[in-house]
């Protein structure tokens, strides 16, 4: 690490983070080999990244369809008021609702956007009437049912330039000619 405040990550830190995001189950020795370090310095760097809070934890990626949560719905919610007490009550209720796996305060037409996982459309209807419409301060819910998940990646693009173009697909490359 270039500094103790973790404001700047060096190329080794970035390589470690990218490798751990790719496979957090690899041994320290495997990780060290992949980033060009020996075992002890690698372990020390990972520990420093953990202690600085850069690495917040490790988790398994679970196939949601295989555990009965095949339906994903993105919903936009509007609140009655934006007073501190309404916002706090809403955010606390969202945090305590397991079907809501993501929530973002947003600009634009919606005050919040949530990601909901349920078994099926009937499960979402139950969620809407039993949970969403009862969340503190909610006046409007606009739902978008996910038909197909094109990309779901929790890995952060660490060390990439801000505007990295995607590699063109063969079909796109032909159209550009």
N, C-alpha and C. Protein backbone atom coordinates (compact mmCIF):
# COMPACT_ATOMS: atom_id res chain seq x y z
N UNK A 1 0.85 -1.18 0.00
CA UNK A 1 0.00 0.00 0.00
C UNK A 1 0.88 1.23 0.00
N UNK A 2 0.48 2.23 -0.72
CA UNK A 2 1.29 3.43 -0.80
C UNK A 2 1.14 4.29 0.44
N UNK A 3 -0.03 4.25 1.08
CA UNK A 3 -0.18 5.01 2.32
C UNK A 3 -1.08 4.26 3.27
N UNK A 4 -1.01 4.61 4.52
CA UNK A 4 -1.79 3.91 5.53
C UNK A 4 -3.26 4.28 5.51
N UNK A 5 -3.61 5.43 4.93
CA UNK A 5 -5.00 5.86 4.90
C UNK A 5 -5.82 5.16 3.83
N UNK A 6 -5.19 4.36 2.99
CA UNK A 6 -5.85 3.61 1.93
C UNK A 6 -6.49 4.51 0.88
N UNK A 7 -6.06 5.78 0.81
CA UNK A 7 -6.59 6.66 -0.22
C UNK A 7 -6.06 6.27 -1.59
N UNK A 8 -4.87 5.68 -1.61
CA UNK A 8 -4.26 5.29 -2.86
C UNK A 8 -3.81 3.84 -2.76
N UNK A 9 -4.22 3.07 -3.71
CA UNK A 9 -3.81 1.67 -3.77
C UNK A 9 -2.73 1.54 -4.82
N UNK A 10 -1.68 0.78 -4.52
CA UNK A 10 -0.65 0.56 -5.54
C UNK A 10 -1.04 -0.62 -6.42
N UNK A 11 -0.21 -0.92 -7.41
CA UNK A 11 -0.56 -1.96 -8.37
C UNK A 11 -0.69 -3.33 -7.72
N UNK A 12 0.09 -3.59 -6.66
CA UNK A 12 0.00 -4.89 -5.96
C UNK A 12 -1.32 -4.97 -5.21
N UNK A 13 -1.71 -3.89 -4.52
CA UNK A 13 -3.00 -3.88 -3.82
C UNK A 13 -4.14 -4.13 -4.81
N UNK A 14 -4.08 -3.45 -5.95
CA UNK A 14 -5.12 -3.60 -6.97
C UNK A 14 -5.16 -5.03 -7.47
N UNK A 15 -3.98 -5.61 -7.72
CA UNK A 15 -3.92 -7.00 -8.18
C UNK A 15 -4.49 -7.94 -7.12
N UNK A 16 -4.15 -7.71 -5.85
CA UNK A 16 -4.68 -8.54 -4.76
C UNK A 16 -6.20 -8.45 -4.71
N UNK A 17 -6.73 -7.24 -4.76
CA UNK A 17 -8.18 -7.06 -4.69
C UNK A 17 -8.88 -7.71 -5.88
N UNK A 18 -8.33 -7.55 -7.06
CA UNK A 18 -8.94 -8.16 -8.24
C UNK A 18 -8.89 -9.69 -8.16
N UNK A 19 -7.78 -10.23 -7.70
CA UNK A 19 -7.67 -11.69 -7.54
C UNK A 19 -8.64 -12.21 -6.49
N UNK A 20 -8.74 -11.51 -5.36
CA UNK A 20 -9.66 -11.95 -4.31
C UNK A 20 -11.12 -11.84 -4.76
N UNK A 21 -11.43 -10.83 -5.56
CA UNK A 21 -12.79 -10.73 -6.10
C UNK A 21 -13.07 -11.86 -7.08
N UNK A 22 -12.05 -12.29 -7.80
CA UNK A 22 -12.21 -13.39 -8.75
C UNK A 22 -12.39 -14.72 -8.02
N UNK A 23 -11.59 -14.93 -6.96
CA UNK A 23 -11.65 -16.18 -6.20
C UNK A 23 -11.12 -15.94 -4.80
N UNK A 24 -12.02 -15.75 -3.86
CA UNK A 24 -11.59 -15.46 -2.48
C UNK A 24 -11.24 -16.72 -1.70
N UNK A 25 -11.39 -17.89 -2.31
CA UNK A 25 -11.08 -19.14 -1.62
C UNK A 25 -9.64 -19.60 -1.86
N UNK A 26 -8.90 -18.92 -2.70
CA UNK A 26 -7.54 -19.35 -2.97
C UNK A 26 -6.66 -19.16 -1.74
N UNK A 27 -5.63 -19.99 -1.64
CA UNK A 27 -4.73 -19.91 -0.50
C UNK A 27 -3.84 -18.67 -0.64
N UNK A 28 -3.22 -18.28 0.46
CA UNK A 28 -2.30 -17.14 0.42
C UNK A 28 -1.17 -17.43 -0.56
N UNK A 29 -0.69 -18.67 -0.60
CA UNK A 29 0.39 -19.01 -1.52
C UNK A 29 -0.05 -18.86 -2.97
N UNK A 30 -1.24 -19.34 -3.30
CA UNK A 30 -1.76 -19.18 -4.67
C UNK A 30 -1.92 -17.70 -5.01
N UNK A 31 -2.47 -16.95 -4.09
CA UNK A 31 -2.66 -15.52 -4.28
C UNK A 31 -1.32 -14.82 -4.49
N UNK A 32 -0.34 -15.16 -3.65
CA UNK A 32 0.99 -14.56 -3.75
C UNK A 32 1.61 -14.83 -5.12
N UNK A 33 1.50 -16.06 -5.60
CA UNK A 33 2.06 -16.40 -6.91
C UNK A 33 1.40 -15.59 -8.02
N UNK A 34 0.10 -15.38 -7.91
CA UNK A 34 -0.63 -14.68 -8.96
C UNK A 34 -0.31 -13.18 -9.00
N UNK A 35 0.10 -12.61 -7.87
CA UNK A 35 0.40 -11.17 -7.86
C UNK A 35 1.90 -10.88 -7.78
N UNK A 36 2.71 -11.92 -7.76
CA UNK A 36 4.16 -11.73 -7.78
C UNK A 36 4.79 -11.40 -6.45
N UNK A 37 4.24 -11.95 -5.37
CA UNK A 37 4.82 -11.76 -4.04
C UNK A 37 5.14 -13.12 -3.44
N UNK A 38 5.90 -13.09 -2.33
CA UNK A 38 6.05 -14.31 -1.55
C UNK A 38 4.91 -14.33 -0.52
N UNK A 39 4.76 -15.45 0.18
CA UNK A 39 3.62 -15.66 1.05
C UNK A 39 3.42 -14.64 2.15
N UNK A 40 4.46 -14.37 2.94
CA UNK A 40 4.30 -13.48 4.09
C UNK A 40 3.94 -12.05 3.69
N UNK A 41 4.65 -11.42 2.75
CA UNK A 41 4.24 -10.07 2.34
C UNK A 41 2.82 -10.03 1.78
N UNK A 42 2.43 -11.08 1.08
CA UNK A 42 1.07 -11.15 0.54
C UNK A 42 0.07 -11.17 1.68
N UNK A 43 0.28 -12.04 2.66
CA UNK A 43 -0.61 -12.16 3.81
C UNK A 43 -0.70 -10.82 4.55
N UNK A 44 0.45 -10.15 4.75
CA UNK A 44 0.46 -8.86 5.45
C UNK A 44 -0.34 -7.81 4.70
N UNK A 45 -0.22 -7.78 3.39
CA UNK A 45 -0.98 -6.81 2.60
C UNK A 45 -2.48 -7.08 2.67
N UNK A 46 -2.87 -8.34 2.58
CA UNK A 46 -4.29 -8.69 2.68
C UNK A 46 -4.82 -8.29 4.05
N UNK A 47 -4.06 -8.59 5.10
CA UNK A 47 -4.48 -8.21 6.46
C UNK A 47 -4.61 -6.69 6.58
N UNK A 48 -3.67 -5.95 6.01
CA UNK A 48 -3.74 -4.48 6.06
C UNK A 48 -4.97 -3.97 5.31
N UNK A 49 -5.29 -4.58 4.18
CA UNK A 49 -6.49 -4.19 3.43
C UNK A 49 -7.75 -4.50 4.23
N UNK A 50 -7.75 -5.62 4.95
CA UNK A 50 -8.89 -5.97 5.80
C UNK A 50 -9.02 -4.97 6.96
N UNK A 51 -7.91 -4.70 7.63
CA UNK A 51 -7.93 -3.80 8.79
C UNK A 51 -8.32 -2.37 8.40
N UNK A 52 -7.96 -1.96 7.19
CA UNK A 52 -8.31 -0.62 6.72
C UNK A 52 -9.76 -0.56 6.23
N UNK A 53 -10.43 -1.71 6.19
CA UNK A 53 -11.82 -1.74 5.75
C UNK A 53 -12.00 -1.77 4.24
N UNK A 54 -10.90 -1.86 3.50
CA UNK A 54 -11.00 -1.95 2.04
C UNK A 54 -11.63 -3.29 1.67
N UNK A 55 -11.18 -4.36 2.33
CA UNK A 55 -11.84 -5.66 2.20
C UNK A 55 -12.82 -5.73 3.35
N UNK A 56 -14.10 -5.66 3.02
CA UNK A 56 -15.15 -5.61 4.05
C UNK A 56 -15.59 -6.99 4.51
N UNK A 57 -15.26 -8.03 3.77
CA UNK A 57 -15.66 -9.38 4.15
C UNK A 57 -15.56 -10.32 2.97
N UNK A 58 -15.90 -11.56 3.21
CA UNK A 58 -15.87 -12.60 2.19
C UNK A 58 -17.21 -13.31 2.21
N UNK A 59 -17.69 -13.71 1.04
CA UNK A 59 -18.98 -14.41 1.02
C UNK A 59 -19.06 -15.35 -0.17
N UNK A 60 -20.00 -16.28 -0.09
CA UNK A 60 -20.26 -17.21 -1.19
C UNK A 60 -21.28 -16.59 -2.13
N UNK A 61 -21.14 -16.88 -3.41
CA UNK A 61 -22.12 -16.44 -4.40
C UNK A 61 -23.10 -17.60 -4.57
N UNK A 62 -24.35 -17.36 -4.20
CA UNK A 62 -25.38 -18.40 -4.22
C UNK A 62 -26.27 -18.22 -5.45
N UNK A 63 -26.57 -19.30 -6.13
CA UNK A 63 -27.47 -19.26 -7.29
C UNK A 63 -28.89 -19.10 -6.76
N UNK A 64 -29.46 -17.92 -6.94
CA UNK A 64 -30.76 -17.61 -6.34
C UNK A 64 -31.88 -18.51 -6.85
N UNK A 65 -31.84 -18.89 -8.12
CA UNK A 65 -32.88 -19.77 -8.67
C UNK A 65 -32.85 -21.14 -7.99
N UNK A 66 -31.66 -21.61 -7.66
CA UNK A 66 -31.53 -22.93 -7.04
C UNK A 66 -31.97 -22.95 -5.58
N UNK A 67 -32.13 -21.77 -5.00
CA UNK A 67 -32.63 -21.70 -3.61
C UNK A 67 -34.04 -21.13 -3.56
N UNK A 68 -34.72 -21.15 -4.70
CA UNK A 68 -36.12 -20.77 -4.73
C UNK A 68 -36.42 -19.29 -4.82
N UNK A 69 -35.46 -18.49 -5.28
CA UNK A 69 -35.69 -17.04 -5.43
C UNK A 69 -35.46 -16.64 -6.88
N UNK A 70 -36.20 -17.29 -7.77
CA UNK A 70 -35.99 -17.12 -9.21
C UNK A 70 -36.42 -15.75 -9.74
N UNK A 71 -37.39 -15.11 -9.08
CA UNK A 71 -37.92 -13.85 -9.62
C UNK A 71 -37.24 -12.63 -9.00
N UNK A 72 -36.72 -11.79 -9.85
CA UNK A 72 -36.12 -10.53 -9.43
C UNK A 72 -37.00 -9.40 -9.95
N UNK A 73 -37.28 -8.44 -9.08
CA UNK A 73 -38.07 -7.28 -9.46
C UNK A 73 -37.34 -6.02 -9.00
N UNK A 74 -37.26 -5.04 -9.86
CA UNK A 74 -36.71 -3.74 -9.52
C UNK A 74 -37.91 -2.82 -9.33
N UNK A 75 -37.99 -2.16 -8.19
CA UNK A 75 -39.15 -1.29 -7.92
C UNK A 75 -38.67 0.11 -7.56
N UNK A 76 -39.38 1.09 -8.07
CA UNK A 76 -39.14 2.49 -7.74
C UNK A 76 -40.20 2.91 -6.74
N UNK A 77 -39.78 3.56 -5.66
CA UNK A 77 -40.70 3.97 -4.61
C UNK A 77 -40.62 5.46 -4.39
N UNK A 78 -41.76 6.05 -4.08
CA UNK A 78 -41.83 7.46 -3.70
C UNK A 78 -42.37 7.55 -2.29
N UNK A 79 -41.85 8.53 -1.55
CA UNK A 79 -42.28 8.75 -0.17
C UNK A 79 -43.21 9.95 -0.09
N UNK A 80 -44.04 9.95 0.96
CA UNK A 80 -44.97 11.06 1.19
C UNK A 80 -44.23 12.35 1.47
N UNK A 81 -43.25 12.26 2.35
CA UNK A 81 -42.43 13.41 2.75
C UNK A 81 -40.98 12.96 2.83
N UNK A 82 -40.11 13.94 2.85
CA UNK A 82 -38.69 13.63 2.96
C UNK A 82 -38.13 14.11 4.29
N UNK A 83 -38.99 14.16 5.28
CA UNK A 83 -38.53 14.58 6.60
C UNK A 83 -37.62 13.50 7.18
N UNK A 84 -36.80 13.91 8.11
CA UNK A 84 -35.83 13.00 8.69
C UNK A 84 -36.49 11.77 9.32
N UNK A 85 -37.62 11.97 10.01
CA UNK A 85 -38.27 10.84 10.67
C UNK A 85 -38.87 9.86 9.66
N UNK A 86 -39.46 10.34 8.57
CA UNK A 86 -40.03 9.46 7.55
C UNK A 86 -38.92 8.67 6.85
N UNK A 87 -37.86 9.37 6.46
CA UNK A 87 -36.74 8.72 5.78
C UNK A 87 -36.10 7.67 6.68
N UNK A 88 -35.86 8.01 7.94
CA UNK A 88 -35.25 7.08 8.88
C UNK A 88 -36.12 5.84 9.05
N UNK A 89 -37.43 6.03 9.26
CA UNK A 89 -38.34 4.90 9.45
C UNK A 89 -38.38 4.01 8.20
N UNK A 90 -38.42 4.64 7.03
CA UNK A 90 -38.43 3.88 5.77
C UNK A 90 -37.14 3.07 5.63
N UNK A 91 -35.99 3.71 5.81
CA UNK A 91 -34.71 3.03 5.62
C UNK A 91 -34.51 1.92 6.64
N UNK A 92 -34.95 2.11 7.87
CA UNK A 92 -34.85 1.05 8.88
C UNK A 92 -35.73 -0.14 8.50
N UNK A 93 -36.94 0.13 8.01
CA UNK A 93 -37.85 -0.95 7.60
C UNK A 93 -37.27 -1.72 6.41
N UNK A 94 -36.70 -1.00 5.45
CA UNK A 94 -36.08 -1.65 4.30
C UNK A 94 -34.92 -2.53 4.75
N UNK A 95 -34.08 -2.01 5.63
CA UNK A 95 -32.93 -2.78 6.11
C UNK A 95 -33.36 -4.06 6.82
N UNK A 96 -34.54 -4.06 7.41
CA UNK A 96 -35.03 -5.22 8.15
C UNK A 96 -35.85 -6.17 7.28
N UNK A 97 -35.99 -5.89 6.00
CA UNK A 97 -36.81 -6.71 5.10
C UNK A 97 -35.91 -7.60 4.25
N UNK A 98 -35.89 -8.91 4.51
CA UNK A 98 -34.94 -9.79 3.81
C UNK A 98 -35.16 -9.92 2.31
N UNK A 99 -36.39 -9.76 1.83
CA UNK A 99 -36.63 -9.88 0.39
C UNK A 99 -36.01 -8.72 -0.39
N UNK A 100 -35.78 -7.60 0.28
CA UNK A 100 -35.14 -6.45 -0.36
C UNK A 100 -33.63 -6.64 -0.21
N UNK A 101 -32.97 -6.94 -1.32
CA UNK A 101 -31.54 -7.23 -1.28
C UNK A 101 -30.69 -6.05 -1.72
N UNK A 102 -31.33 -4.97 -2.15
CA UNK A 102 -30.61 -3.76 -2.52
C UNK A 102 -31.57 -2.59 -2.43
N UNK A 103 -31.06 -1.44 -1.99
CA UNK A 103 -31.88 -0.24 -1.90
C UNK A 103 -30.98 0.97 -2.11
N UNK A 104 -31.44 1.88 -2.96
CA UNK A 104 -30.66 3.06 -3.29
C UNK A 104 -31.55 4.29 -3.24
N UNK A 105 -31.08 5.33 -2.59
CA UNK A 105 -31.73 6.64 -2.64
C UNK A 105 -31.27 7.27 -3.95
N UNK A 106 -32.22 7.77 -4.75
CA UNK A 106 -31.88 8.20 -6.10
C UNK A 106 -32.38 9.60 -6.43
N UNK A 107 -31.84 10.16 -7.49
CA UNK A 107 -32.38 11.38 -8.07
C UNK A 107 -33.37 10.96 -9.15
N UNK A 108 -34.13 11.90 -9.66
CA UNK A 108 -35.07 11.57 -10.74
C UNK A 108 -36.47 11.37 -10.22
N UNK A 109 -37.27 10.60 -10.94
CA UNK A 109 -38.69 10.42 -10.63
C UNK A 109 -38.93 9.66 -9.34
N UNK A 110 -38.06 8.72 -9.00
CA UNK A 110 -38.25 7.91 -7.80
C UNK A 110 -37.35 8.40 -6.67
N UNK A 111 -37.85 8.28 -5.45
CA UNK A 111 -37.03 8.61 -4.28
C UNK A 111 -36.05 7.49 -3.96
N UNK A 112 -36.52 6.25 -4.14
CA UNK A 112 -35.71 5.07 -3.86
C UNK A 112 -35.94 4.02 -4.94
N UNK A 113 -34.91 3.21 -5.18
CA UNK A 113 -35.03 2.05 -6.04
C UNK A 113 -34.63 0.85 -5.19
N UNK A 114 -35.46 -0.20 -5.24
CA UNK A 114 -35.14 -1.41 -4.48
C UNK A 114 -35.05 -2.61 -5.43
N UNK A 115 -34.26 -3.58 -5.02
CA UNK A 115 -34.16 -4.85 -5.73
C UNK A 115 -34.76 -5.90 -4.81
N UNK A 116 -35.76 -6.62 -5.33
CA UNK A 116 -36.51 -7.59 -4.54
C UNK A 116 -36.33 -8.98 -5.15
N UNK A 117 -36.07 -9.98 -4.31
CA UNK A 117 -35.99 -11.37 -4.76
C UNK A 117 -37.11 -12.16 -4.11
N UNK A 118 -37.89 -12.85 -4.92
CA UNK A 118 -39.01 -13.67 -4.47
C UNK A 118 -39.07 -14.93 -5.33
N UNK A 119 -39.85 -15.93 -4.91
CA UNK A 119 -39.92 -17.16 -5.69
C UNK A 119 -40.52 -16.99 -7.09
N UNK A 120 -41.56 -16.16 -7.21
CA UNK A 120 -42.28 -16.03 -8.47
C UNK A 120 -43.13 -14.76 -8.43
N UNK A 121 -43.92 -14.54 -9.50
CA UNK A 121 -44.76 -13.34 -9.57
C UNK A 121 -45.80 -13.32 -8.46
N UNK A 122 -46.37 -14.47 -8.14
CA UNK A 122 -47.33 -14.52 -7.04
C UNK A 122 -46.65 -14.11 -5.73
N UNK A 123 -45.41 -14.51 -5.56
CA UNK A 123 -44.64 -14.10 -4.38
C UNK A 123 -44.41 -12.60 -4.35
N UNK A 124 -44.20 -12.00 -5.53
CA UNK A 124 -44.02 -10.55 -5.58
C UNK A 124 -45.33 -9.83 -5.26
N UNK A 125 -46.44 -10.37 -5.73
CA UNK A 125 -47.73 -9.75 -5.40
C UNK A 125 -47.95 -9.78 -3.89
N UNK A 126 -47.61 -10.89 -3.26
CA UNK A 126 -47.72 -10.98 -1.79
C UNK A 126 -46.79 -9.97 -1.13
N UNK A 127 -45.58 -9.85 -1.66
CA UNK A 127 -44.62 -8.88 -1.12
C UNK A 127 -45.17 -7.45 -1.26
N UNK A 128 -45.72 -7.13 -2.43
CA UNK A 128 -46.27 -5.79 -2.65
C UNK A 128 -47.32 -5.44 -1.60
N UNK A 129 -48.31 -6.31 -1.45
CA UNK A 129 -49.43 -6.02 -0.54
C UNK A 129 -49.07 -6.22 0.92
N UNK A 130 -48.20 -7.18 1.20
CA UNK A 130 -47.86 -7.47 2.59
C UNK A 130 -46.70 -6.67 3.15
N UNK A 131 -45.86 -6.14 2.25
CA UNK A 131 -44.65 -5.44 2.72
C UNK A 131 -44.51 -4.05 2.09
N UNK A 132 -44.35 -3.99 0.77
CA UNK A 132 -43.99 -2.74 0.10
C UNK A 132 -44.97 -1.61 0.37
N UNK A 133 -46.27 -1.89 0.22
CA UNK A 133 -47.26 -0.83 0.44
C UNK A 133 -47.37 -0.43 1.90
N UNK A 134 -46.81 -1.25 2.80
CA UNK A 134 -46.86 -0.95 4.23
C UNK A 134 -45.57 -0.33 4.75
N UNK A 135 -44.57 -0.18 3.89
CA UNK A 135 -43.33 0.47 4.32
C UNK A 135 -43.64 1.90 4.73
N UNK A 136 -43.02 2.40 5.79
CA UNK A 136 -43.31 3.76 6.27
C UNK A 136 -43.11 4.81 5.18
N UNK A 137 -44.13 5.64 4.97
CA UNK A 137 -44.03 6.77 4.06
C UNK A 137 -44.22 6.48 2.59
N UNK A 138 -44.37 5.23 2.19
CA UNK A 138 -44.46 4.90 0.77
C UNK A 138 -45.83 5.31 0.22
N UNK A 139 -45.81 6.07 -0.88
CA UNK A 139 -47.06 6.48 -1.53
C UNK A 139 -47.23 5.86 -2.90
N UNK A 140 -46.13 5.46 -3.52
CA UNK A 140 -46.21 4.94 -4.89
C UNK A 140 -45.12 3.91 -5.11
N UNK A 141 -45.48 2.81 -5.77
CA UNK A 141 -44.51 1.77 -6.13
C UNK A 141 -44.68 1.48 -7.62
N UNK A 142 -43.59 1.56 -8.35
CA UNK A 142 -43.58 1.25 -9.79
C UNK A 142 -42.62 0.08 -9.97
N UNK A 143 -43.14 -1.05 -10.45
CA UNK A 143 -42.35 -2.28 -10.53
C UNK A 143 -41.92 -2.61 -11.95
N UNK A 144 -40.72 -3.12 -12.08
CA UNK A 144 -40.22 -3.66 -13.35
C UNK A 144 -39.76 -5.09 -13.08
N UNK A 145 -40.42 -6.03 -13.72
CA UNK A 145 -40.07 -7.44 -13.55
C UNK A 145 -38.88 -7.76 -14.45
N UNK A 146 -37.86 -8.36 -13.88
CA UNK A 146 -36.67 -8.72 -14.65
C UNK A 146 -36.99 -9.97 -15.47
N UNK A 147 -36.85 -9.85 -16.79
CA UNK A 147 -37.11 -10.98 -17.68
C UNK A 147 -35.89 -11.87 -17.83
N UNK A 148 -34.71 -11.23 -17.94
CA UNK A 148 -33.47 -11.97 -18.11
C UNK A 148 -32.34 -11.17 -17.47
N UNK A 149 -31.50 -11.85 -16.74
CA UNK A 149 -30.35 -11.20 -16.13
C UNK A 149 -29.20 -11.26 -17.13
N UNK A 150 -28.83 -10.11 -17.66
CA UNK A 150 -27.78 -10.03 -18.66
C UNK A 150 -26.41 -10.01 -18.00
N UNK A 151 -26.30 -9.27 -16.90
CA UNK A 151 -25.04 -9.20 -16.17
C UNK A 151 -25.34 -8.98 -14.71
N UNK A 152 -24.74 -9.80 -13.88
CA UNK A 152 -24.84 -9.63 -12.43
C UNK A 152 -23.46 -9.91 -11.87
N UNK A 153 -22.72 -8.88 -11.60
CA UNK A 153 -21.33 -9.02 -11.17
C UNK A 153 -21.09 -8.10 -10.00
N UNK A 154 -20.72 -8.66 -8.88
CA UNK A 154 -20.44 -7.85 -7.69
C UNK A 154 -19.00 -7.37 -7.63
N UNK A 155 -18.18 -7.78 -8.60
CA UNK A 155 -16.78 -7.36 -8.58
C UNK A 155 -16.67 -5.89 -8.97
N UNK A 156 -15.85 -5.17 -8.25
CA UNK A 156 -15.63 -3.75 -8.54
C UNK A 156 -14.53 -3.61 -9.59
N UNK A 157 -14.65 -2.67 -10.51
CA UNK A 157 -13.65 -2.48 -11.56
C UNK A 157 -12.45 -1.68 -11.05
N UNK A 158 -11.71 -2.27 -10.12
CA UNK A 158 -10.60 -1.58 -9.46
C UNK A 158 -9.42 -1.46 -10.43
N UNK A 159 -8.88 -0.25 -10.51
CA UNK A 159 -7.68 -0.02 -11.31
C UNK A 159 -7.94 0.21 -12.78
N UNK A 160 -9.20 0.22 -13.19
CA UNK A 160 -9.51 0.49 -14.60
C UNK A 160 -9.70 1.98 -14.80
N UNK A 161 -9.41 2.47 -16.01
CA UNK A 161 -9.74 3.86 -16.29
C UNK A 161 -11.26 4.05 -16.19
N UNK A 162 -11.69 5.25 -15.93
CA UNK A 162 -13.12 5.51 -15.75
C UNK A 162 -13.92 5.11 -16.98
N UNK A 163 -13.43 5.40 -18.16
CA UNK A 163 -14.18 5.09 -19.38
C UNK A 163 -13.45 4.00 -20.16
N UNK A 164 -13.62 2.76 -19.74
CA UNK A 164 -13.03 1.64 -20.45
C UNK A 164 -14.06 1.08 -21.41
N UNK A 165 -13.81 1.19 -22.71
CA UNK A 165 -14.81 0.67 -23.66
C UNK A 165 -14.84 -0.85 -23.61
N UNK A 166 -16.02 -1.40 -23.83
CA UNK A 166 -16.16 -2.84 -23.92
C UNK A 166 -15.55 -3.31 -25.23
N UNK A 167 -15.02 -4.52 -25.22
CA UNK A 167 -14.51 -5.08 -26.46
C UNK A 167 -15.69 -5.32 -27.39
N UNK A 168 -15.58 -4.88 -28.64
CA UNK A 168 -16.73 -5.06 -29.54
C UNK A 168 -16.97 -6.53 -29.84
N UNK A 169 -18.22 -6.89 -29.90
CA UNK A 169 -18.59 -8.24 -30.29
C UNK A 169 -18.40 -8.35 -31.80
N UNK A 170 -18.26 -9.56 -32.34
CA UNK A 170 -18.10 -9.69 -33.80
C UNK A 170 -19.23 -9.01 -34.57
N UNK A 171 -20.46 -9.12 -34.10
CA UNK A 171 -21.59 -8.49 -34.80
C UNK A 171 -21.46 -6.98 -34.78
N UNK A 172 -21.04 -6.42 -33.65
CA UNK A 172 -20.88 -4.97 -33.54
C UNK A 172 -19.73 -4.50 -34.41
N UNK A 173 -18.64 -5.26 -34.43
CA UNK A 173 -17.49 -4.89 -35.26
C UNK A 173 -17.88 -4.87 -36.74
N UNK A 174 -18.71 -5.82 -37.18
CA UNK A 174 -19.14 -5.84 -38.59
C UNK A 174 -20.00 -4.62 -38.91
N UNK A 175 -20.86 -4.21 -37.97
CA UNK A 175 -21.74 -3.06 -38.20
C UNK A 175 -20.94 -1.77 -38.32
N UNK A 176 -19.80 -1.69 -37.64
CA UNK A 176 -19.01 -0.46 -37.65
C UNK A 176 -18.23 -0.28 -38.95
N UNK A 177 -18.09 -1.33 -39.73
CA UNK A 177 -17.30 -1.25 -40.97
C UNK A 177 -18.01 -0.50 -42.03
